Amino acid sequence: MSRRRTLVVALWLLAACLLPATEATAAKRTFGVRALQEGSVGRDVRVLQDFLTRWGLRTHVDGHYGPVTARRVRRWETLTGRPVDGRMSLEDAAELRRAVEAGERRPDVAPAAGGTPAEVVDPAAAAAAATTATAPVEHATMAPDGTAIAPPSAPEVVKALIAAANEIHDKPYKYGGGHGRWIDSGYDCSGSMSYALHGAGLLDVALDSTGFMSWGEPGEGQWVTNYANPGHSYMVIAGLRFDTSGRAEDNTRWDEEMRDPSGYTVRHPPGL
């Protein structure tokens, strides 16, 4: 065997020995040692997903920081008043660990049987919290381009909801649009609502109008109210109506005028 070939083989064997060690090191990273974001993988991502679940945001523990985990992180940031970017910084990781170890939970959930996180089970308490902590003091306004401007006093989740709705405010109506995929060429009434709620981290799967008749909590919300019947649905966000019916007249789904809610089921996102 030539000297050059011997050297190549030796280097290959060395790399083969080092690679598993490197992967093993990555797999054993301690949560909080590095910043995490979409695309990150490893044991620390699994710990993050477990912490989110224990805090009250049910997250699949698979060690892969995908879109769903990113949405859970954005929801945690929103509920805790932190900057919303969907990333888990070292400071965020330290705060999440502290909260979980202290037994703290998200404010709008209660433990189910066996200690498993559950969605809101006390609508009255959630409504009271919303009234005292997030009651709007001003409404959203319309911009000349047909988008909505969130009021400064709105919670971050409401601002994110308005921003997501603005992304599709002038998209054409398309029956079934927004249900097969989030990014679509057009959106129907419930598809529009689903897109906006998804953008704010409040919804993982698009709902049709009938689905919105039972989603959320009963009655009007402080910031957001959904109206739905088997044939149509729309929402009012910070005083503005987000509805496909307005696009044909003004080329925007936003409308300052309300419509008769008779015949609609009235519900709102928990805590809003």
C-alpha atoms as a PDB file:
ATOM      1  CA  MET A   1       0.000   0.000   0.000  1.00  0.00           C
ATOM      2  CA  SER A   2       1.426   3.403  -0.989  1.00  0.00           C
ATOM      3  CA  ARG A   3       2.195   6.061   1.604  1.00  0.00           C
ATOM      4  CA  ARG A   4      -0.477   8.366   0.126  1.00  0.00           C
ATOM      5  CA  ARG A   5      -3.136   5.647   0.224  1.00  0.00           C
ATOM      6  CA  THR A   6      -2.151   4.753   3.775  1.00  0.00           C
ATOM      7  CA  LEU A   7      -2.562   8.408   4.804  1.00  0.00           C
ATOM      8  CA  VAL A   8      -5.997   8.636   3.163  1.00  0.00           C
ATOM      9  CA  VAL A   9      -7.200   5.487   4.922  1.00  0.00           C
ATOM     10  CA  ALA A  10      -5.862   6.741   8.257  1.00  0.00           C
ATOM     11  CA  LEU A  11      -7.651  10.071   7.861  1.00  0.00           C
ATOM     12  CA  TRP A  12     -10.887   8.323   6.904  1.00  0.00           C
ATOM     13  CA  LEU A  13     -10.708   6.093   9.985  1.00  0.00           C
ATOM     14  CA  LEU A  14     -10.013   9.124  12.187  1.00  0.00           C
ATOM     15  CA  ALA A  15     -13.042  10.954  10.773  1.00  0.00           C
ATOM     16  CA  ALA A  16     -15.213   7.893  11.270  1.00  0.00           C
ATOM     17  CA  CYS A  17     -14.187   7.783  14.926  1.00  0.00           C
ATOM     18  CA  LEU A  18     -14.729  11.485  15.525  1.00  0.00           C
ATOM     19  CA  LEU A  19     -18.129  11.816  13.795  1.00  0.00           C
ATOM     20  CA  PRO A  20     -20.124   9.694  16.250  1.00  0.00           C
ATOM     21  CA  ALA A  21     -18.531  11.533  19.137  1.00  0.00           C
ATOM     22  CA  THR A  22     -19.533  14.868  17.598  1.00  0.00           C
ATOM     23  CA  GLU A  23     -23.106  13.679  17.024  1.00  0.00           C
ATOM     24  CA  ALA A  24     -23.249  12.269  20.541  1.00  0.00           C
ATOM     25  CA  THR A  25     -22.071  15.595  21.938  1.00  0.00           C
ATOM     26  CA  ALA A  26     -24.794  17.424  19.991  1.00  0.00           C
ATOM     27  CA  ALA A  27     -27.419  14.960  21.176  1.00  0.00           C
ATOM     28  CA  LYS A  28     -26.487  15.562  24.830  1.00  0.00           C
ATOM     29  CA  ARG A  29     -26.449  19.353  24.823  1.00  0.00           C
ATOM     30  CA  THR A  30     -27.898  20.807  28.007  1.00  0.00           C
ATOM     31  CA  PHE A  31     -30.915  23.050  27.619  1.00  0.00           C
ATOM     32  CA  GLY A  32     -29.884  26.668  27.993  1.00  0.00           C
ATOM     33  CA  VAL A  33     -26.313  26.267  26.722  1.00  0.00           C
ATOM     34  CA  ARG A  34     -27.139  27.458  23.196  1.00  0.00           C
ATOM     35  CA  ALA A  35     -29.892  29.514  21.589  1.00  0.00           C
ATOM     36  CA  LEU A  36     -32.511  27.419  19.796  1.00  0.00           C
ATOM     37  CA  GLN A  37     -34.501  28.204  16.702  1.00  0.00           C
ATOM     38  CA  GLU A  38     -36.399  26.490  13.903  1.00  0.00           C
ATOM     39  CA  GLY A  39     -34.134  23.795  12.467  1.00  0.00           C
ATOM     40  CA  SER A  40     -32.332  23.008  15.741  1.00  0.00           C
ATOM     41  CA  VAL A  41     -32.199  19.367  16.817  1.00  0.00           C
ATOM     42  CA  GLY A  42     -30.960  17.595  19.916  1.00  0.00           C
ATOM     43  CA  ARG A  43     -31.619  16.717  23.518  1.00  0.00           C
ATOM     44  CA  ASP A  44     -31.974  20.368  24.501  1.00  0.00           C
ATOM     45  CA  VAL A  45     -34.831  20.728  22.011  1.00  0.00           C
ATOM     46  CA  ARG A  46     -36.543  17.764  23.661  1.00  0.00           C
ATOM     47  CA  VAL A  47     -36.133  19.451  27.046  1.00  0.00           C
ATOM     48  CA  LEU A  48     -37.594  22.669  25.595  1.00  0.00           C
ATOM     49  CA  GLN A  49     -40.605  20.783  24.242  1.00  0.00           C
ATOM     50  CA  ASP A  50     -41.102  19.057  27.582  1.00  0.00           C
ATOM     51  CA  PHE A  51     -40.857  22.367  29.460  1.00  0.00           C
ATOM     52  CA  LEU A  52     -43.404  24.004  27.138  1.00  0.00           C
ATOM     53  CA  THR A  53     -45.795  21.109  27.737  1.00  0.00           C
ATOM     54  CA  ARG A  54     -45.316  21.278  31.509  1.00  0.00           C
ATOM     55  CA  TRP A  55     -45.877  25.051  31.420  1.00  0.00           C
ATOM     56  CA  GLY A  56     -49.199  24.513  29.630  1.00  0.00           C
ATOM     57  CA  LEU A  57     -48.446  24.542  25.897  1.00  0.00           C
ATOM     58  CA  ARG A  58     -48.793  20.937  24.760  1.00  0.00           C
ATOM     59  CA  THR A  59     -45.827  20.212  22.452  1.00  0.00           C
ATOM     60  CA  HIS A  60     -44.774  16.942  20.812  1.00  0.00           C
ATOM     61  CA  VAL A  61     -41.389  15.879  22.223  1.00  0.00           C
ATOM     62  CA  ASP A  62     -39.286  14.704  19.276  1.00  0.00           C
ATOM     63  CA  GLY A  63     -36.086  16.761  19.530  1.00  0.00           C
ATOM     64  CA  HIS A  64     -36.781  18.645  16.294  1.00  0.00           C
ATOM     65  CA  TYR A  65     -37.456  22.392  16.458  1.00  0.00           C
ATOM     66  CA  GLY A  66     -40.055  22.553  13.685  1.00  0.00           C
ATOM     67  CA  PRO A  67     -42.846  25.020  12.834  1.00  0.00           C
ATOM     68  CA  VAL A  68     -45.165  23.728  15.575  1.00  0.00           C
ATOM     69  CA  THR A  69     -42.504  24.130  18.281  1.00  0.00           C
ATOM     70  CA  ALA A  70     -41.767  27.613  16.946  1.00  0.00           C
ATOM     71  CA  ARG A  71     -45.461  28.502  17.246  1.00  0.00           C
ATOM     72  CA  ARG A  72     -45.514  27.203  20.819  1.00  0.00           C
ATOM     73  CA  VAL A  73     -42.500  29.360  21.643  1.00  0.00           C
ATOM     74  CA  ARG A  74     -44.180  32.415  20.089  1.00  0.00           C
ATOM     75  CA  ARG A  75     -47.275  31.686  22.182  1.00  0.00           C
ATOM     76  CA  TRP A  76     -45.129  31.424  25.331  1.00  0.00           C
ATOM     77  CA  GLU A  77     -43.432  34.726  24.435  1.00  0.00           C
ATOM     78  CA  THR A  78     -46.810  36.366  23.900  1.00  0.00           C
ATOM     79  CA  LEU A  79     -48.317  35.132  27.151  1.00  0.00           C
ATOM     80  CA  THR A  80     -45.259  36.165  29.165  1.00  0.00           C
ATOM     81  CA  GLY A  81     -44.877  39.579  27.542  1.00  0.00           C
ATOM     82  CA  ARG A  82     -41.531  38.830  25.909  1.00  0.00           C
ATOM     83  CA  PRO A  83     -40.441  39.921  22.411  1.00  0.00           C
ATOM     84  CA  VAL A  84     -42.122  37.557  19.919  1.00  0.00           C
ATOM     85  CA  ASP A  85     -39.702  35.975  17.439  1.00  0.00           C
ATOM     86  CA  GLY A  86     -40.207  32.221  17.843  1.00  0.00           C
ATOM     87  CA  ARG A  87     -36.611  31.708  19.035  1.00  0.00           C
ATOM     88  CA  MET A  88     -35.453  30.436  22.413  1.00  0.00           C
ATOM     89  CA  SER A  89     -32.570  32.656  23.497  1.00  0.00           C
ATOM     90  CA  LEU A  90     -30.362  31.880  26.473  1.00  0.00           C
ATOM     91  CA  GLU A  91     -32.303  34.430  28.511  1.00  0.00           C
ATOM     92  CA  ASP A  92     -35.618  32.881  27.417  1.00  0.00           C
ATOM     93  CA  ALA A  93     -34.361  29.394  28.296  1.00  0.00           C
ATOM     94  CA  ALA A  94     -33.336  30.514  31.777  1.00  0.00           C
ATOM     95  CA  GLU A  95     -36.747  32.108  32.388  1.00  0.00           C
ATOM     96  CA  LEU A  96     -38.687  29.090  31.066  1.00  0.00           C
ATOM     97  CA  ARG A  97     -36.621  26.719  33.233  1.00  0.00           C
ATOM     98  CA  ARG A  98     -37.157  28.922  36.288  1.00  0.00           C
ATOM     99  CA  ALA A  99     -40.916  29.081  35.703  1.00  0.00           C
ATOM    100  CA  VAL A 100     -41.289  25.326  35.204  1.00  0.00           C
ATOM    101  CA  GLU A 101     -39.146  24.451  38.205  1.00  0.00           C
ATOM    102  CA  ALA A 102     -41.179  26.903  40.304  1.00  0.00           C
ATOM    103  CA  GLY A 103     -44.384  25.149  39.248  1.00  0.00           C
ATOM    104  CA  GLU A 104     -45.712  28.141  37.313  1.00  0.00           C
ATOM    105  CA  ARG A 105     -48.198  27.599  34.481  1.00  0.00           C
ATOM    106  CA  ARG A 106     -49.684  29.678  31.697  1.00  0.00           C
ATOM    107  CA  PRO A 107     -52.433  31.921  33.089  1.00  0.00           C
ATOM    108  CA  ASP A 108     -55.281  30.566  30.936  1.00  0.00           C
ATOM    109  CA  VAL A 109     -55.021  26.822  31.600  1.00  0.00           C
ATOM    110  CA  ALA A 110     -55.720  24.541  34.529  1.00  0.00           C
ATOM    111  CA  PRO A 111     -54.301  21.067  35.171  1.00  0.00           C
ATOM    112  CA  ALA A 112     -56.430  18.153  34.033  1.00  0.00           C
ATOM    113  CA  ALA A 113     -56.655  14.811  35.793  1.00  0.00           C
ATOM    114  CA  GLY A 114     -53.224  13.316  36.306  1.00  0.00           C
ATOM    115  CA  GLY A 115     -51.508  16.691  36.010  1.00  0.00           C
ATOM    116  CA  THR A 116     -51.615  16.844  32.195  1.00  0.00           C
ATOM    117  CA  PRO A 117     -51.934  20.370  30.784  1.00  0.00           C
ATOM    118  CA  ALA A 118     -55.440  21.113  29.555  1.00  0.00           C
ATOM    119  CA  GLU A 119     -57.066  24.012  27.761  1.00  0.00           C
ATOM    120  CA  VAL A 120     -59.155  26.592  29.606  1.00  0.00           C
ATOM    121  CA  VAL A 121     -61.706  24.924  31.856  1.00  0.00           C
ATOM    122  CA  ASP A 122     -62.891  28.045  33.688  1.00  0.00           C
ATOM    123  CA  PRO A 123     -64.216  30.564  31.109  1.00  0.00           C
ATOM    124  CA  ALA A 124     -65.416  32.920  33.842  1.00  0.00           C
ATOM    125  CA  ALA A 125     -61.926  33.185  35.314  1.00  0.00           C
ATOM    126  CA  ALA A 126     -60.407  33.743  31.885  1.00  0.00           C
ATOM    127  CA  ALA A 127     -62.975  36.428  31.093  1.00  0.00           C
ATOM    128  CA  ALA A 128     -62.322  38.142  34.415  1.00  0.00           C
ATOM    129  CA  ALA A 129     -58.587  38.136  33.770  1.00  0.00           C
ATOM    130  CA  ALA A 130     -59.132  39.556  30.306  1.00  0.00           C
ATOM    131  CA  THR A 131     -61.393  42.290  31.677  1.00  0.00           C
ATOM    132  CA  THR A 132     -58.953  43.410  34.340  1.00  0.00           C
ATOM    133  CA  ALA A 133     -55.699  42.980  32.429  1.00  0.00           C
ATOM    134  CA  THR A 134     -56.416  43.352  28.724  1.00  0.00           C
ATOM    135  CA  ALA A 135     -59.609  45.380  28.307  1.00  0.00           C
ATOM    136  CA  PRO A 136     -59.072  47.570  25.219  1.00  0.00           C
ATOM    137  CA  VAL A 137     -58.836  51.288  25.771  1.00  0.00           C
ATOM    138  CA  GLU A 138     -58.651  52.081  22.059  1.00  0.00           C
ATOM    139  CA  HIS A 139     -59.592  50.417  18.776  1.00  0.00           C
ATOM    140  CA  ALA A 140     -57.651  49.450  15.692  1.00  0.00           C
ATOM    141  CA  THR A 141     -57.788  51.914  12.791  1.00  0.00           C
ATOM    142  CA  MET A 142     -57.819  51.583   9.007  1.00  0.00           C
ATOM    143  CA  ALA A 143     -54.798  52.609   6.950  1.00  0.00           C
ATOM    144  CA  PRO A 144     -55.196  54.121   3.453  1.00  0.00           C
ATOM    145  CA  ASP A 145     -53.961  50.889   1.859  1.00  0.00           C
ATOM    146  CA  GLY A 146     -56.777  48.871   3.439  1.00  0.00           C
ATOM    147  CA  THR A 147     -54.721  47.268   6.207  1.00  0.00           C
ATOM    148  CA  ALA A 148     -55.477  47.586   9.900  1.00  0.00           C
ATOM    149  CA  ILE A 149     -53.296  49.375  12.430  1.00  0.00           C
ATOM    150  CA  ALA A 150     -53.248  47.731  15.839  1.00  0.00           C
ATOM    151  CA  PRO A 151     -53.720  50.024  18.840  1.00  0.00           C
ATOM    152  CA  PRO A 152     -50.594  50.398  21.004  1.00  0.00           C
ATOM    153  CA  SER A 153     -52.493  49.105  24.030  1.00  0.00           C
ATOM    154  CA  ALA A 154     -53.323  45.768  22.375  1.00  0.00           C
ATOM    155  CA  PRO A 155     -51.641  42.601  23.705  1.00  0.00           C
ATOM    156  CA  GLU A 156     -48.854  41.245  21.512  1.00  0.00           C
ATOM    157  CA  VAL A 157     -50.999  38.304  20.432  1.00  0.00           C
ATOM    158  CA  VAL A 158     -53.656  40.704  19.109  1.00  0.00           C
ATOM    159  CA  LYS A 159     -51.002  42.677  17.241  1.00  0.00           C
ATOM    160  CA  ALA A 160     -49.728  39.421  15.741  1.00  0.00           C
ATOM    161  CA  LEU A 161     -53.290  38.482  14.776  1.00  0.00           C
ATOM    162  CA  ILE A 162     -53.819  41.807  13.004  1.00  0.00           C
ATOM    163  CA  ALA A 163     -50.438  41.536  11.263  1.00  0.00           C
ATOM    164  CA  ALA A 164     -51.309  38.068   9.962  1.00  0.00           C
ATOM    165  CA  ALA A 165     -54.736  39.232   8.774  1.00  0.00           C
ATOM    166  CA  ASN A 166     -53.074  42.149   6.967  1.00  0.00           C
ATOM    167  CA  GLU A 167     -51.007  39.693   4.945  1.00  0.00           C
ATOM    168  CA  ILE A 168     -54.134  38.444   3.157  1.00  0.00           C
ATOM    169  CA  HIS A 169     -56.474  41.432   3.524  1.00  0.00           C
ATOM    170  CA  ASP A 170     -56.800  41.899  -0.259  1.00  0.00           C
ATOM    171  CA  LYS A 171     -56.432  38.297  -1.417  1.00  0.00           C
ATOM    172  CA  PRO A 172     -59.329  37.154  -3.637  1.00  0.00           C
ATOM    173  CA  TYR A 173     -62.133  34.985  -2.361  1.00  0.00           C
ATOM    174  CA  LYS A 174     -61.568  31.302  -3.132  1.00  0.00           C
ATOM    175  CA  TYR A 175     -63.936  28.612  -1.970  1.00  0.00           C
ATOM    176  CA  GLY A 176     -61.945  26.237   0.223  1.00  0.00           C
ATOM    177  CA  GLY A 177     -58.946  28.560   0.100  1.00  0.00           C
ATOM    178  CA  GLY A 178     -56.656  28.336   3.112  1.00  0.00           C
ATOM    179  CA  HIS A 179     -57.814  24.874   4.129  1.00  0.00           C
ATOM    180  CA  GLY A 180     -55.493  22.643   2.126  1.00  0.00           C
ATOM    181  CA  ARG A 181     -52.456  24.844   2.745  1.00  0.00           C
ATOM    182  CA  TRP A 182     -51.701  28.026   4.658  1.00  0.00           C
ATOM    183  CA  ILE A 183     -50.189  29.897   1.699  1.00  0.00           C
ATOM    184  CA  ASP A 184     -52.877  29.937  -0.971  1.00  0.00           C
ATOM    185  CA  SER A 185     -53.943  32.025  -3.970  1.00  0.00           C
ATOM    186  CA  GLY A 186     -57.189  32.980  -2.235  1.00  0.00           C
ATOM    187  CA  TYR A 187     -59.145  32.388   0.966  1.00  0.00           C
ATOM    188  CA  ASP A 188     -62.734  31.796   1.919  1.00  0.00           C
ATOM    189  CA  CYS A 189     -64.310  33.210   5.072  1.00  0.00           C
ATOM    190  CA  SER A 190     -63.184  30.538   7.539  1.00  0.00           C
ATOM    191  CA  GLY A 191     -59.880  30.091   5.708  1.00  0.00           C
ATOM    192  CA  SER A 192     -59.172  33.798   6.247  1.00  0.00           C
ATOM    193  CA  MET A 193     -59.921  33.526   9.940  1.00  0.00           C
ATOM    194  CA  SER A 194     -57.849  30.367  10.268  1.00  0.00           C
ATOM    195  CA  TYR A 195     -54.868  32.011   8.552  1.00  0.00           C
ATOM    196  CA  ALA A 196     -54.941  34.998  10.903  1.00  0.00           C
ATOM    197  CA  LEU A 197     -55.353  32.880  14.035  1.00  0.00           C
ATOM    198  CA  HIS A 198     -52.612  30.531  12.857  1.00  0.00           C
ATOM    199  CA  GLY A 199     -50.279  33.481  12.288  1.00  0.00           C
ATOM    200  CA  ALA A 200     -50.794  34.545  15.893  1.00  0.00           C
ATOM    201  CA  GLY A 201     -50.071  31.039  17.175  1.00  0.00           C
ATOM    202  CA  LEU A 202     -53.672  30.433  18.245  1.00  0.00           C
ATOM    203  CA  LEU A 203     -54.645  27.729  15.755  1.00  0.00           C
ATOM    204  CA  ASP A 204     -52.765  24.748  14.324  1.00  0.00           C
ATOM    205  CA  VAL A 205     -55.358  23.370  11.899  1.00  0.00           C
ATOM    206  CA  ALA A 206     -57.698  25.371   9.661  1.00  0.00           C
ATOM    207  CA  LEU A 207     -61.369  25.233  10.682  1.00  0.00           C
ATOM    208  CA  ASP A 208     -64.473  25.667   8.562  1.00  0.00           C
ATOM    209  CA  SER A 209     -67.403  27.843   9.615  1.00  0.00           C
ATOM    210  CA  THR A 210     -69.059  24.984  11.475  1.00  0.00           C
ATOM    211  CA  GLY A 211     -65.819  24.323  13.331  1.00  0.00           C
ATOM    212  CA  PHE A 212     -65.700  27.926  14.528  1.00  0.00           C
ATOM    213  CA  MET A 213     -69.170  27.490  16.031  1.00  0.00           C
ATOM    214  CA  SER A 214     -67.604  25.448  18.831  1.00  0.00           C
ATOM    215  CA  TRP A 215     -64.023  26.761  18.918  1.00  0.00           C
ATOM    216  CA  GLY A 216     -62.958  29.035  21.777  1.00  0.00           C
ATOM    217  CA  GLU A 217     -65.060  30.262  24.696  1.00  0.00           C
ATOM    218  CA  PRO A 218     -68.733  31.362  24.612  1.00  0.00           C
ATOM    219  CA  GLY A 219     -69.644  35.029  24.230  1.00  0.00           C
ATOM    220  CA  GLU A 220     -67.908  38.167  23.068  1.00  0.00           C
ATOM    221  CA  GLY A 221     -64.238  38.657  23.845  1.00  0.00           C
ATOM    222  CA  GLN A 222     -62.477  41.758  25.085  1.00  0.00           C
ATOM    223  CA  TRP A 223     -60.253  41.979  22.015  1.00  0.00           C
ATOM    224  CA  VAL A 224     -61.407  39.293  19.586  1.00  0.00           C
ATOM    225  CA  THR A 225     -64.866  37.907  18.826  1.00  0.00           C
ATOM    226  CA  ASN A 226     -65.675  35.183  16.285  1.00  0.00           C
ATOM    227  CA  TYR A 227     -69.084  34.923  14.623  1.00  0.00           C
ATOM    228  CA  ALA A 228     -70.011  31.696  12.847  1.00  0.00           C
ATOM    229  CA  ASN A 229     -72.912  29.744  11.415  1.00  0.00           C
ATOM    230  CA  PRO A 230     -72.930  26.767   9.032  1.00  0.00           C
ATOM    231  CA  GLY A 231     -72.653  29.024   5.988  1.00  0.00           C
ATOM    232  CA  HIS A 232     -70.390  31.919   6.992  1.00  0.00           C
ATOM    233  CA  SER A 233     -67.969  33.174   9.625  1.00  0.00           C
ATOM    234  CA  TYR A 234     -66.123  36.384  10.401  1.00  0.00           C
ATOM    235  CA  MET A 235     -64.325  38.006  13.294  1.00  0.00           C
ATOM    236  CA  VAL A 236     -64.069  41.378  15.002  1.00  0.00           C
ATOM    237  CA  ILE A 237     -60.563  42.271  16.141  1.00  0.00           C
ATOM    238  CA  ALA A 238     -59.981  45.351  18.286  1.00  0.00           C
ATOM    239  CA  GLY A 239     -63.135  46.962  16.939  1.00  0.00           C
ATOM    240  CA  LEU A 240     -62.632  46.210  13.223  1.00  0.00           C
ATOM    241  CA  ARG A 241     -64.513  43.532  11.280  1.00  0.00           C
ATOM    242  CA  PHE A 242     -62.383  41.029   9.360  1.00  0.00           C
ATOM    243  CA  ASP A 243     -64.772  39.539   6.811  1.00  0.00           C
ATOM    244  CA  THR A 244     -64.533  38.286   3.211  1.00  0.00           C
ATOM    245  CA  SER A 245     -67.761  40.090   2.319  1.00  0.00           C
ATOM    246  CA  GLY A 246     -66.076  43.486   2.443  1.00  0.00           C
ATOM    247  CA  ARG A 247     -63.329  42.702  -0.073  1.00  0.00           C
ATOM    248  CA  ALA A 248     -65.610  42.911  -3.113  1.00  0.00           C
ATOM    249  CA  GLU A 249     -66.497  46.544  -2.305  1.00  0.00           C
ATOM    250  CA  ASP A 250     -63.283  48.031  -0.918  1.00  0.00           C
ATOM    251  CA  ASN A 251     -60.648  45.414  -1.888  1.00  0.00           C
ATOM    252  CA  THR A 252     -59.947  44.636   1.750  1.00  0.00           C
ATOM    253  CA  ARG A 253     -61.370  42.217   4.281  1.00  0.00           C
ATOM    254  CA  TRP A 254     -61.217  44.911   6.961  1.00  0.00           C
ATOM    255  CA  ASP A 255     -64.332  46.977   7.575  1.00  0.00           C
ATOM    256  CA  GLU A 256     -65.181  49.601  10.174  1.00  0.00           C
ATOM    257  CA  GLU A 257     -68.914  48.832   9.923  1.00  0.00           C
ATOM    258  CA  MET A 258     -70.405  45.948  11.845  1.00  0.00           C
ATOM    259  CA  ARG A 259     -73.024  43.528  10.517  1.00  0.00           C
ATOM    260  CA  ASP A 260     -76.109  42.053  12.129  1.00  0.00           C
ATOM    261  CA  PRO A 261     -74.890  39.121  14.286  1.00  0.00           C
ATOM    262  CA  SER A 262     -78.321  37.474  14.390  1.00  0.00           C
ATOM    263  CA  GLY A 263     -78.101  33.791  13.541  1.00  0.00           C
ATOM    264  CA  TYR A 264     -74.390  33.543  14.407  1.00  0.00           C
ATOM    265  CA  THR A 265     -72.728  31.640  17.227  1.00  0.00           C
ATOM    266  CA  VAL A 266     -70.598  34.109  19.194  1.00  0.00           C
ATOM    267  CA  ARG A 267     -67.321  32.919  20.725  1.00  0.00           C
ATOM    268  CA  HIS A 268     -63.833  34.220  21.423  1.00  0.00           C
ATOM    269  CA  PRO A 269     -60.270  32.901  21.850  1.00  0.00           C
ATOM    270  CA  PRO A 270     -59.514  32.034  25.502  1.00  0.00           C
ATOM    271  CA  GLY A 271     -58.259  35.044  27.439  1.00  0.00           C
ATOM    272  CA  LEU A 272     -58.955  37.511  24.621  1.00  0.00           C
END
